[in-house]
Amino acid sequence: MALCQQILEQDQQKCYALAISGGGVKAAYQLGVVYSFAHEGAPGEYEYDVVSGVSAGSINNGIFSLFPKGQEKKMTEFGQDLVKNMDTSVIFQEWPGGIIDGLEN
């Protein structure tokens, strides 16, 4: 929260922080929630100063960090496109010698 303290010292009245947990498939759900905030919420209420995440949450925050404050709609649309176009061939790779060879290496 030291970063929020620095932000507040710069005459901002609020510091918005987002902490996202891990959990594999929760990543798509998390993107959906933030998408809803950005598209249905009050402008400015969901512009985060600080983001933090673990595991899948850190992957989402990697996406969030690509876009500056004020581009939350664009950010969530980018994340949504990634999830929609993802399949197991992007996530998993077949080992040339099969699963046993993959486990031994």
C-alpha atoms as a PDB file:
ATOM      1  CA  MET A   1       0.000   0.000   0.000  1.00  0.00           C
ATOM      2  CA  ALA A   2       3.059   2.237  -0.027  1.00  0.00           C
ATOM      3  CA  LEU A   3       2.315   2.994  -3.684  1.00  0.00           C
ATOM      4  CA  CYS A   4      -1.181   4.180  -2.767  1.00  0.00           C
ATOM      5  CA  GLN A   5       0.339   6.424  -0.113  1.00  0.00           C
ATOM      6  CA  GLN A   6       2.554   8.031  -2.760  1.00  0.00           C
ATOM      7  CA  ILE A   7      -0.457   8.528  -5.024  1.00  0.00           C
ATOM      8  CA  LEU A   8      -2.452  10.154  -2.233  1.00  0.00           C
ATOM      9  CA  GLU A   9       0.451  12.486  -1.520  1.00  0.00           C
ATOM     10  CA  GLN A  10       0.140  13.741  -5.117  1.00  0.00           C
ATOM     11  CA  ASP A  11      -3.154  15.443  -4.201  1.00  0.00           C
ATOM     12  CA  GLN A  12      -5.421  12.642  -5.368  1.00  0.00           C
ATOM     13  CA  GLN A  13      -8.398  12.148  -3.070  1.00  0.00           C
ATOM     14  CA  LYS A  14      -8.578   8.400  -3.597  1.00  0.00           C
ATOM     15  CA  CYS A  15      -6.290   5.554  -4.542  1.00  0.00           C
ATOM     16  CA  TYR A  16      -8.005   2.692  -6.315  1.00  0.00           C
ATOM     17  CA  ALA A  17      -6.374  -0.709  -5.907  1.00  0.00           C
ATOM     18  CA  LEU A  18      -7.395  -4.016  -7.442  1.00  0.00           C
ATOM     19  CA  ALA A  19      -6.166  -7.323  -6.012  1.00  0.00           C
ATOM     20  CA  ILE A  20      -6.978 -10.467  -7.994  1.00  0.00           C
ATOM     21  CA  SER A  21      -6.552 -14.026  -6.759  1.00  0.00           C
ATOM     22  CA  GLY A  22      -5.352 -17.012  -8.721  1.00  0.00           C
ATOM     23  CA  GLY A  23      -7.290 -20.059  -9.711  1.00  0.00           C
ATOM     24  CA  GLY A  24      -6.949 -21.010 -13.377  1.00  0.00           C
ATOM     25  CA  VAL A  25     -10.400 -20.684 -14.921  1.00  0.00           C
ATOM     26  CA  LYS A  26     -11.244 -17.864 -12.527  1.00  0.00           C
ATOM     27  CA  ALA A  27      -9.151 -15.650 -14.793  1.00  0.00           C
ATOM     28  CA  ALA A  28     -11.904 -15.489 -17.433  1.00  0.00           C
ATOM     29  CA  TYR A  29     -14.501 -14.764 -14.752  1.00  0.00           C
ATOM     30  CA  GLN A  30     -12.306 -12.000 -13.305  1.00  0.00           C
ATOM     31  CA  LEU A  31     -11.934 -10.407 -16.732  1.00  0.00           C
ATOM     32  CA  GLY A  32     -15.711 -10.531 -17.098  1.00  0.00           C
ATOM     33  CA  VAL A  33     -16.262  -8.757 -13.788  1.00  0.00           C
ATOM     34  CA  VAL A  34     -13.768  -6.009 -14.628  1.00  0.00           C
ATOM     35  CA  TYR A  35     -15.343  -5.781 -18.120  1.00  0.00           C
ATOM     36  CA  SER A  36     -18.729  -5.200 -16.493  1.00  0.00           C
ATOM     37  CA  PHE A  37     -17.292  -2.544 -14.170  1.00  0.00           C
ATOM     38  CA  ALA A  38     -15.677  -0.722 -17.092  1.00  0.00           C
ATOM     39  CA  HIS A  39     -18.719  -0.850 -19.361  1.00  0.00           C
ATOM     40  CA  GLU A  40     -21.566  -0.486 -16.867  1.00  0.00           C
ATOM     41  CA  GLY A  41     -19.997   1.376 -13.929  1.00  0.00           C
ATOM     42  CA  ALA A  42     -19.553   5.058 -13.308  1.00  0.00           C
ATOM     43  CA  PRO A  43     -16.642   6.508 -15.319  1.00  0.00           C
ATOM     44  CA  GLY A  44     -13.633   7.097 -13.111  1.00  0.00           C
ATOM     45  CA  GLU A  45     -14.738   4.678 -10.385  1.00  0.00           C
ATOM     46  CA  TYR A  46     -12.877   1.778 -11.966  1.00  0.00           C
ATOM     47  CA  GLU A  47      -9.651   3.419 -13.063  1.00  0.00           C
ATOM     48  CA  TYR A  48      -7.115   1.558 -10.939  1.00  0.00           C
ATOM     49  CA  ASP A  49      -3.951   3.169  -9.647  1.00  0.00           C
ATOM     50  CA  VAL A  50      -2.520  -0.102  -8.346  1.00  0.00           C
ATOM     51  CA  VAL A  51      -3.112  -3.692  -9.458  1.00  0.00           C
ATOM     52  CA  SER A  52      -1.875  -6.845  -7.792  1.00  0.00           C
ATOM     53  CA  GLY A  53      -2.456 -10.488  -8.516  1.00  0.00           C
ATOM     54  CA  VAL A  54      -1.379 -14.051  -7.911  1.00  0.00           C
ATOM     55  CA  SER A  55      -1.143 -16.787 -10.558  1.00  0.00           C
ATOM     56  CA  ALA A  56      -4.024 -16.275 -13.017  1.00  0.00           C
ATOM     57  CA  GLY A  57      -4.696 -12.912 -11.379  1.00  0.00           C
ATOM     58  CA  SER A  58      -1.184 -11.786 -12.232  1.00  0.00           C
ATOM     59  CA  ILE A  59      -1.777 -12.759 -15.863  1.00  0.00           C
ATOM     60  CA  ASN A  60      -4.874 -10.548 -15.899  1.00  0.00           C
ATOM     61  CA  ASN A  61      -2.919  -7.741 -14.294  1.00  0.00           C
ATOM     62  CA  GLY A  62      -0.313  -8.137 -17.023  1.00  0.00           C
ATOM     63  CA  ILE A  63      -3.109  -7.343 -19.471  1.00  0.00           C
ATOM     64  CA  PHE A  64      -4.284  -4.428 -17.325  1.00  0.00           C
ATOM     65  CA  SER A  65      -0.784  -2.969 -17.176  1.00  0.00           C
ATOM     66  CA  LEU A  66      -0.680  -2.638 -20.971  1.00  0.00           C
ATOM     67  CA  PHE A  67      -3.271   0.151 -20.898  1.00  0.00           C
ATOM     68  CA  PRO A  68      -3.094   3.531 -19.118  1.00  0.00           C
ATOM     69  CA  LYS A  69      -5.818   4.830 -16.825  1.00  0.00           C
ATOM     70  CA  GLY A  70      -8.819   5.956 -18.808  1.00  0.00           C
ATOM     71  CA  GLN A  71      -8.644   3.085 -21.311  1.00  0.00           C
ATOM     72  CA  GLU A  72     -10.426   0.485 -19.197  1.00  0.00           C
ATOM     73  CA  LYS A  73     -13.015  -0.335 -21.863  1.00  0.00           C
ATOM     74  CA  LYS A  74     -10.308  -0.940 -24.456  1.00  0.00           C
ATOM     75  CA  MET A  75      -8.315  -2.958 -21.881  1.00  0.00           C
ATOM     76  CA  THR A  76     -11.214  -5.271 -21.052  1.00  0.00           C
ATOM     77  CA  GLU A  77     -12.142  -5.724 -24.706  1.00  0.00           C
ATOM     78  CA  PHE A  78      -8.543  -6.776 -25.400  1.00  0.00           C
ATOM     79  CA  GLY A  79      -8.692  -9.280 -22.508  1.00  0.00           C
ATOM     80  CA  GLN A  80     -12.049 -10.589 -23.676  1.00  0.00           C
ATOM     81  CA  ASP A  81     -10.690 -11.156 -27.190  1.00  0.00           C
ATOM     82  CA  LEU A  82      -7.739 -13.099 -25.753  1.00  0.00           C
ATOM     83  CA  VAL A  83     -10.026 -15.407 -23.783  1.00  0.00           C
ATOM     84  CA  LYS A  84     -12.473 -15.915 -26.673  1.00  0.00           C
ATOM     85  CA  ASN A  85      -9.679 -16.878 -29.072  1.00  0.00           C
ATOM     86  CA  MET A  86      -7.825 -19.170 -26.679  1.00  0.00           C
ATOM     87  CA  ASP A  87      -7.938 -22.936 -26.984  1.00  0.00           C
ATOM     88  CA  THR A  88      -5.927 -25.799 -25.559  1.00  0.00           C
ATOM     89  CA  SER A  89      -3.412 -25.687 -28.419  1.00  0.00           C
ATOM     90  CA  VAL A  90      -2.291 -22.291 -27.116  1.00  0.00           C
ATOM     91  CA  ILE A  91      -2.040 -23.500 -23.522  1.00  0.00           C
ATOM     92  CA  PHE A  92      -0.762 -27.074 -23.798  1.00  0.00           C
ATOM     93  CA  GLN A  93       1.991 -28.481 -25.939  1.00  0.00           C
ATOM     94  CA  GLU A  94       2.350 -32.117 -26.972  1.00  0.00           C
ATOM     95  CA  TRP A  95       5.780 -33.561 -26.294  1.00  0.00           C
ATOM     96  CA  PRO A  96       7.335 -35.176 -29.401  1.00  0.00           C
ATOM     97  CA  GLY A  97       7.854 -38.468 -27.521  1.00  0.00           C
ATOM     98  CA  GLY A  98       4.459 -38.422 -25.794  1.00  0.00           C
ATOM     99  CA  ILE A  99       3.455 -37.781 -22.214  1.00  0.00           C
ATOM    100  CA  ILE A 100       5.982 -40.200 -20.656  1.00  0.00           C
ATOM    101  CA  ASP A 101       8.880 -38.500 -22.441  1.00  0.00           C
ATOM    102  CA  GLY A 102       7.508 -35.145 -21.308  1.00  0.00           C
ATOM    103  CA  LEU A 103       7.401 -36.272 -17.676  1.00  0.00           C
ATOM    104  CA  GLU A 104      10.954 -37.609 -17.804  1.00  0.00           C
ATOM    105  CA  ASN A 105      12.312 -34.313 -19.137  1.00  0.00           C
END
